[in-house]
Amino acid sequence: MSEMNLIEKIKIVLGLVSNVTEHVMGSAVTDSGANIQWEGDLEVGKAIFVVTEEGSVPAPSGEHILSDGTKLILDENGVVSEIVPAVAEQPAEEVPQEMSENTKFQITPEEQTAIVNEVMQILEPRLAEIEKSLLIVSELFSKNNAELMSKIEKLSAEPATEPIKTNKFHVEDKPNALKEFAKKIKK
């Protein structure tokens, strides 16, 4: 036994150094929601295990995409044969949320004409429908107006009410009037 091994054994016996070697386990979640793990760093040649309620089982062969977008390609034994890093998305150009009143667009006359023509193609059928609807409403209005005018003319030819019959001399007043006349003469 070498001197170094003897010193290591003495340290272990005295409790200065642990005899247990630490196993660092890596883990991740796949895009399908499966929890997977491996021993040490993730690299080609490492065995990948799926963590289940019963324990760990070798991962099936094929492509497995991790939640960070990294793609693992496993062979039939669940061993990593290739690692494809996640593609970092390019940040999109910043588009202003609101345009100020001073923002101007550079549009050529040809583009303007094309835009106007496209808008006209969209609007022409709708305008034709609106025009038809307005003609129908106008015809109905004219018909109703003619009926109303006819009724107004008929009503204006009729008297407002039945004529009131008045009698200037009341029969009831004549005997009293004669009596009063007679009284005046006698006096």
Protein backbone atom coordinates (compact mmCIF):
# COMPACT_ATOMS: atom_id res chain seq x y z
CA MET A 1 0.00 0.00 0.00
CA SER A 2 1.34 3.38 -0.93
CA GLU A 3 1.91 6.13 1.57
CA MET A 4 -0.83 8.26 -0.05
CA ASN A 5 -3.44 5.50 0.17
CA LEU A 6 -2.55 4.92 3.81
CA ILE A 7 -2.98 8.61 4.64
CA GLU A 8 -6.35 8.66 2.84
CA LYS A 9 -7.53 5.58 4.79
CA ILE A 10 -6.46 7.14 8.09
CA LYS A 11 -8.36 10.34 7.21
CA ILE A 12 -11.45 8.27 6.42
CA VAL A 13 -11.20 6.33 9.69
CA LEU A 14 -10.77 9.55 11.67
CA GLY A 15 -13.77 11.07 9.83
CA LEU A 16 -11.76 13.85 8.31
CA VAL A 17 -12.73 12.78 4.80
CA SER A 18 -15.91 11.05 3.67
CA ASN A 19 -15.61 7.65 2.05
CA VAL A 20 -18.75 8.33 0.04
CA THR A 21 -18.19 9.86 -3.35
CA GLU A 22 -20.78 12.41 -4.32
CA HIS A 23 -22.82 11.81 -7.43
CA VAL A 24 -24.15 15.00 -8.93
CA MET A 25 -27.33 14.36 -10.87
CA GLY A 26 -28.58 16.62 -13.59
CA SER A 27 -32.27 16.83 -14.38
CA ALA A 28 -34.66 18.51 -16.81
CA VAL A 29 -38.23 18.39 -18.05
CA THR A 30 -39.06 17.48 -21.64
CA ASP A 31 -41.61 19.30 -23.78
CA SER A 32 -43.95 16.35 -23.16
CA GLY A 33 -43.70 16.95 -19.40
CA ALA A 34 -41.50 13.94 -18.53
CA ASN A 35 -38.86 14.40 -15.81
CA ILE A 36 -35.47 13.07 -16.90
CA GLN A 37 -32.12 12.86 -15.14
CA TRP A 38 -28.50 11.90 -15.76
CA GLU A 39 -25.36 11.61 -13.75
CA GLY A 40 -22.87 14.47 -13.89
CA ASP A 41 -22.81 16.93 -16.74
CA LEU A 42 -25.06 16.48 -19.78
CA GLU A 43 -22.85 15.29 -22.62
CA VAL A 44 -22.70 12.76 -25.42
CA GLY A 45 -22.38 9.22 -24.03
CA LYS A 46 -24.38 9.90 -20.84
CA ALA A 47 -27.29 7.60 -20.02
CA ILE A 48 -30.61 9.40 -19.61
CA PHE A 49 -33.30 8.08 -17.27
CA VAL A 50 -37.00 8.93 -17.03
CA VAL A 51 -38.08 9.47 -13.43
CA THR A 52 -41.34 7.66 -12.63
CA GLU A 53 -43.20 6.85 -9.42
CA GLU A 54 -41.62 3.39 -9.42
CA GLY A 55 -38.10 4.75 -9.93
CA SER A 56 -35.85 5.61 -12.84
CA VAL A 57 -36.04 3.77 -16.15
CA PRO A 58 -33.84 4.23 -19.22
CA ALA A 59 -35.25 6.88 -21.54
CA PRO A 60 -36.63 5.65 -24.88
CA SER A 61 -34.63 6.18 -28.04
CA GLY A 62 -35.36 9.11 -30.33
CA GLU A 63 -35.49 12.89 -30.06
CA HIS A 64 -36.35 14.53 -26.77
CA ILE A 65 -36.74 18.31 -26.55
CA LEU A 66 -36.04 19.88 -23.17
CA SER A 67 -38.01 22.81 -21.77
CA ASP A 68 -35.14 25.18 -22.68
CA GLY A 69 -35.32 24.05 -26.33
CA THR A 70 -32.23 21.79 -26.25
CA LYS A 71 -32.74 18.63 -28.31
CA LEU A 72 -31.31 15.31 -27.11
CA ILE A 73 -30.99 12.42 -29.54
CA LEU A 74 -30.84 9.09 -27.71
CA ASP A 75 -29.87 5.66 -29.01
CA GLU A 76 -31.79 2.45 -28.27
CA ASN A 77 -30.13 2.19 -24.81
CA GLY A 78 -31.17 5.70 -23.74
CA VAL A 79 -27.62 7.05 -24.18
CA VAL A 80 -27.09 10.53 -25.60
CA SER A 81 -25.73 10.27 -29.15
CA GLU A 82 -26.15 13.96 -30.04
CA ILE A 83 -27.02 17.23 -28.32
CA VAL A 84 -28.51 20.04 -30.40
CA PRO A 85 -28.45 23.32 -28.44
CA ALA A 86 -31.51 25.53 -28.40
CA VAL A 87 -31.53 28.18 -31.08
CA ALA A 88 -31.55 31.60 -29.50
CA GLU A 89 -34.30 33.71 -30.97
CA GLN A 90 -33.18 36.90 -32.63
CA PRO A 91 -34.83 39.88 -30.97
CA ALA A 92 -37.30 41.46 -33.32
CA GLU A 93 -36.78 45.03 -34.36
CA GLU A 94 -38.48 47.37 -32.00
CA VAL A 95 -41.67 48.69 -33.47
CA PRO A 96 -42.92 51.88 -31.90
CA GLN A 97 -46.12 51.31 -29.94
CA GLU A 98 -47.68 54.55 -31.10
CA MET A 99 -46.78 56.72 -34.01
CA SER A 100 -46.48 60.39 -33.43
CA GLU A 101 -48.37 62.90 -35.50
CA ASN A 102 -45.11 63.86 -37.18
CA THR A 103 -44.43 60.34 -38.49
CA LYS A 104 -44.49 60.36 -42.26
CA PHE A 105 -44.65 57.47 -44.68
CA GLN A 106 -42.79 57.38 -47.92
CA ILE A 107 -45.22 55.97 -50.48
CA THR A 108 -44.65 56.20 -54.18
CA PRO A 109 -47.45 57.37 -56.47
CA GLU A 110 -47.68 53.84 -57.89
CA GLU A 111 -48.19 52.44 -54.38
CA GLN A 112 -50.82 55.09 -53.69
CA THR A 113 -52.68 54.15 -56.87
CA ALA A 114 -52.49 50.45 -55.99
CA ILE A 115 -53.83 51.12 -52.49
CA VAL A 116 -56.68 53.27 -53.80
CA ASN A 117 -57.59 50.63 -56.40
CA GLU A 118 -57.59 47.90 -53.77
CA VAL A 119 -59.80 49.94 -51.46
CA MET A 120 -62.18 50.71 -54.34
CA GLN A 121 -62.43 47.00 -55.21
CA ILE A 122 -63.43 46.32 -51.62
CA LEU A 123 -65.87 49.23 -51.36
CA GLU A 124 -67.61 49.08 -54.77
CA PRO A 125 -69.75 46.00 -54.03
CA ARG A 126 -70.72 47.42 -50.65
CA LEU A 127 -71.59 50.79 -52.16
CA ALA A 128 -73.76 49.07 -54.78
CA GLU A 129 -75.66 47.24 -52.00
CA ILE A 130 -76.14 50.50 -50.10
CA GLU A 131 -77.37 52.23 -53.27
CA LYS A 132 -79.95 49.45 -53.88
CA SER A 133 -81.14 49.73 -50.28
CA LEU A 134 -81.48 53.50 -50.58
CA LEU A 135 -83.51 53.16 -53.79
CA ILE A 136 -85.89 50.74 -52.10
CA VAL A 137 -86.29 53.06 -49.10
CA SER A 138 -86.79 56.04 -51.42
CA GLU A 139 -89.52 54.21 -53.38
CA LEU A 140 -91.28 53.22 -50.16
CA PHE A 141 -91.05 56.78 -48.90
CA SER A 142 -92.48 58.17 -52.16
CA LYS A 143 -95.36 55.68 -52.09
CA ASN A 144 -96.19 56.45 -48.47
CA ASN A 145 -95.90 60.19 -49.16
CA ALA A 146 -98.35 59.94 -52.07
CA GLU A 147 -100.84 58.04 -49.88
CA LEU A 148 -100.53 60.62 -47.13
CA MET A 149 -101.05 63.52 -49.56
CA SER A 150 -104.18 61.84 -50.92
CA LYS A 151 -105.59 61.43 -47.42
CA ILE A 152 -104.74 65.05 -46.55
CA GLU A 153 -106.55 66.35 -49.66
CA LYS A 154 -109.60 64.23 -48.87
CA LEU A 155 -109.69 65.45 -45.28
CA SER A 156 -109.23 69.09 -46.27
CA ALA A 157 -112.30 68.90 -48.56
CA GLU A 158 -114.48 67.80 -45.65
CA PRO A 159 -115.76 70.29 -43.09
CA ALA A 160 -113.91 70.41 -39.82
CA THR A 161 -117.07 69.53 -37.82
CA GLU A 162 -120.78 69.17 -38.37
CA PRO A 163 -122.35 72.62 -38.88
CA ILE A 164 -124.01 74.05 -35.81
CA LYS A 165 -127.70 74.78 -36.34
CA THR A 166 -128.68 78.04 -34.71
CA ASN A 167 -132.17 79.42 -34.30
CA LYS A 168 -132.35 83.10 -33.54
CA PHE A 169 -135.84 82.92 -32.16
CA HIS A 170 -136.59 80.43 -29.56
CA VAL A 171 -140.11 79.26 -29.23
CA GLU A 172 -139.79 79.23 -25.49
CA ASP A 173 -138.91 82.93 -25.41
CA LYS A 174 -141.90 84.12 -27.54
CA PRO A 175 -144.64 83.64 -24.93
CA ASN A 176 -142.60 85.39 -22.31
CA ALA A 177 -141.77 88.16 -24.70
CA LEU A 178 -145.46 88.67 -25.50
CA LYS A 179 -146.37 88.70 -21.84
CA GLU A 180 -143.80 91.34 -21.14
CA PHE A 181 -144.93 93.38 -24.12
CA ALA A 182 -148.48 93.22 -22.88
CA LYS A 183 -147.45 94.36 -19.43
CA LYS A 184 -145.66 97.34 -20.88
CA ILE A 185 -148.67 98.41 -22.87
CA LYS A 186 -151.01 98.24 -19.92
CA LYS A 187 -149.00 100.52 -17.87
